[in-house]
């Protein structure tokens, strides 16, 4: 999974307190995922909130060089939200990632109460697939990225 973050800067308030980023979910074994079974969870640290719009078809990535970026948000739904800091997304019924393909998701993260100068991590997890229908390696499911210089 790839997490493209904004320029590691979030203002204390206003539009600069919000950054847009991407998560790319890749299929690496050459076989399509099973339909509608892929689930990921995105967790932001205390002091930030996350938002995901399933109607979004493109996003301008903060600090991005190739904007706008086409995203697959309509193929995913929020299946669980915990205090807007943790979002669980599940691929919609009938949707899948083709063999060797990817699904690109667009998110926004907002600074709420994070202290200036603090360092924080965002974590993305692919839900463990105990039946191995979409993920045959249970050890590959954590990716984190540090945000600093806030």
Protein backbone atom coordinates (compact mmCIF):
# COMPACT_ATOMS: atom_id res chain seq x y z
CA UNK A 1 0.00 0.00 0.00
CA UNK A 2 1.25 3.49 -0.81
CA UNK A 3 0.32 6.52 1.26
CA UNK A 4 0.96 9.88 -0.41
CA UNK A 5 0.85 12.54 2.28
CA UNK A 6 0.64 16.29 2.02
CA UNK A 7 3.78 18.35 2.49
CA UNK A 8 3.97 17.45 6.21
CA UNK A 9 2.34 20.77 7.07
CA UNK A 10 -1.05 21.40 8.59
CA UNK A 11 -1.98 24.87 9.73
CA UNK A 12 -3.72 25.30 13.08
CA UNK A 13 -6.95 26.32 11.32
CA UNK A 14 -8.51 27.24 7.99
CA UNK A 15 -8.20 25.46 4.65
CA UNK A 16 -4.48 24.80 5.25
CA UNK A 17 -5.47 22.61 8.22
CA UNK A 18 -6.86 20.06 5.74
CA UNK A 19 -4.75 17.90 3.43
CA UNK A 20 -5.78 15.47 0.70
CA UNK A 21 -3.94 12.22 0.16
CA UNK A 22 -4.14 8.83 -1.56
CA UNK A 23 -4.05 5.20 -0.58
CA UNK A 24 -3.28 2.73 -3.37
CA UNK A 25 -4.39 -0.85 -2.73
CA UNK A 26 -2.43 -3.21 -5.01
CA UNK A 27 -3.10 -6.81 -6.04
CA UNK A 28 0.32 -8.44 -6.49
CA UNK A 29 -0.26 -12.13 -7.20
CA UNK A 30 -1.77 -11.71 -10.67
CA UNK A 31 -5.22 -12.95 -9.70
CA UNK A 32 -8.26 -10.72 -9.13
CA UNK A 33 -9.48 -10.21 -5.58
CA UNK A 34 -12.79 -11.77 -4.68
CA UNK A 35 -15.76 -9.53 -5.31
CA UNK A 36 -16.59 -7.04 -2.57
CA UNK A 37 -14.43 -8.68 0.10
CA UNK A 38 -11.46 -6.31 0.46
CA UNK A 39 -11.48 -4.26 3.67
CA UNK A 40 -8.96 -1.67 4.84
CA UNK A 41 -8.80 0.46 7.97
CA UNK A 42 -7.22 3.90 8.10
CA UNK A 43 -6.32 5.33 11.52
CA UNK A 44 -5.22 8.90 12.26
CA UNK A 45 -3.59 9.94 15.54
CA UNK A 46 -5.29 12.02 18.20
CA UNK A 47 -5.46 15.61 17.03
CA UNK A 48 -6.61 14.74 13.49
CA UNK A 49 -9.80 13.60 11.80
CA UNK A 50 -10.29 11.67 8.57
CA UNK A 51 -12.97 12.00 5.92
CA UNK A 52 -13.81 9.83 2.94
CA UNK A 53 -16.39 10.73 0.30
CA UNK A 54 -17.70 7.72 -1.64
CA UNK A 55 -18.98 10.00 -4.40
CA UNK A 56 -15.49 11.41 -5.09
CA UNK A 57 -14.08 10.49 -8.53
CA UNK A 58 -10.96 12.71 -8.46
CA UNK A 59 -8.93 14.57 -5.85
CA UNK A 60 -6.23 17.24 -5.77
CA UNK A 61 -3.46 15.74 -3.64
CA UNK A 62 -1.85 18.29 -1.34
CA UNK A 63 1.65 18.89 -2.65
CA UNK A 64 0.92 16.61 -5.61
CA UNK A 65 2.53 17.08 -8.99
CA UNK A 66 -0.13 15.45 -11.19
CA UNK A 67 -3.48 16.86 -10.04
CA UNK A 68 -6.27 15.98 -10.19
CA UNK A 69 -5.87 12.25 -9.56
CA UNK A 70 -8.69 9.89 -10.57
CA UNK A 71 -9.85 7.81 -7.58
CA UNK A 72 -12.02 4.72 -7.11
CA UNK A 73 -13.99 5.99 -4.10
CA UNK A 74 -17.40 5.00 -5.57
CA UNK A 75 -16.27 1.35 -5.39
CA UNK A 76 -15.79 1.57 -1.60
CA UNK A 77 -18.07 2.34 1.35
CA UNK A 78 -17.37 3.34 4.94
CA UNK A 79 -18.38 0.29 6.93
CA UNK A 80 -17.27 1.67 10.31
CA UNK A 81 -16.12 5.00 11.73
CA UNK A 82 -14.64 5.58 15.17
CA UNK A 83 -14.68 9.24 16.25
CA UNK A 84 -13.72 10.28 12.67
CA UNK A 85 -10.17 9.09 13.50
CA UNK A 86 -10.57 5.56 12.25
CA UNK A 87 -12.37 4.63 9.05
CA UNK A 88 -12.96 1.08 7.87
CA UNK A 89 -13.67 0.82 4.16
CA UNK A 90 -15.06 -2.19 2.36
CA UNK A 91 -15.17 -2.69 -1.37
CA UNK A 92 -18.75 -2.66 -2.66
CA UNK A 93 -20.46 -5.85 -3.77
CA UNK A 94 -19.43 -6.73 -7.30
CA UNK A 95 -16.26 -4.61 -7.21
CA UNK A 96 -12.80 -6.19 -7.26
CA UNK A 97 -9.16 -5.39 -7.99
CA UNK A 98 -7.98 -7.06 -11.19
CA UNK A 99 -4.91 -9.29 -11.21
CA UNK A 100 -1.84 -7.05 -10.97
CA UNK A 101 -4.13 -4.02 -10.64
CA UNK A 102 -4.80 -1.40 -8.00
CA UNK A 103 -7.57 0.65 -6.47
CA UNK A 104 -6.79 4.31 -5.68
CA UNK A 105 -8.68 5.93 -2.80
CA UNK A 106 -8.78 9.64 -1.93
CA UNK A 107 -9.00 10.88 1.68
CA UNK A 108 -8.79 14.12 3.59
CA UNK A 109 -7.13 14.57 6.95
CA UNK A 110 -7.78 17.61 9.13
CA UNK A 111 -5.69 18.91 11.99
CA UNK A 112 -7.93 19.54 14.99
CA UNK A 113 -6.04 19.63 18.29
CA UNK A 114 -2.54 18.42 17.34
CA UNK A 115 0.23 20.54 18.82
CA UNK A 116 2.50 22.53 16.56
CA UNK A 117 5.81 20.74 16.07
CA UNK A 118 4.39 17.34 17.05
CA UNK A 119 5.16 14.14 15.15
CA UNK A 120 2.41 11.63 14.41
CA UNK A 121 1.78 8.44 12.42
CA UNK A 122 -1.04 7.48 10.11
CA UNK A 123 -1.60 3.74 9.81
CA UNK A 124 -3.35 1.82 7.05
CA UNK A 125 -4.19 -1.85 7.60
CA UNK A 126 -5.57 -4.40 5.19
CA UNK A 127 -8.01 -6.50 7.18
CA UNK A 128 -6.66 -10.00 7.82
CA UNK A 129 -8.24 -12.46 5.42
CA UNK A 130 -8.28 -15.71 7.36
CA UNK A 131 -9.87 -17.51 4.39
CA UNK A 132 -7.06 -16.16 2.13
CA UNK A 133 -9.57 -15.13 -0.54
CA UNK A 134 -8.01 -11.71 -1.16
CA UNK A 135 -4.80 -11.66 0.88
CA UNK A 136 -2.57 -14.70 1.05
CA UNK A 137 0.12 -13.13 3.25
CA UNK A 138 -1.10 -12.06 6.70
CA UNK A 139 2.27 -10.41 7.47
CA UNK A 140 1.96 -7.68 4.83
CA UNK A 141 -0.91 -5.77 6.36
CA UNK A 142 0.58 -2.74 8.08
CA UNK A 143 1.93 0.45 6.54
CA UNK A 144 2.59 3.61 8.51
CA UNK A 145 3.85 7.04 7.53
CA UNK A 146 5.18 9.74 9.86
CA UNK A 147 3.87 13.30 9.63
CA UNK A 148 6.25 15.83 11.10
CA UNK A 149 6.86 19.57 11.10
CA UNK A 150 3.28 20.41 12.04
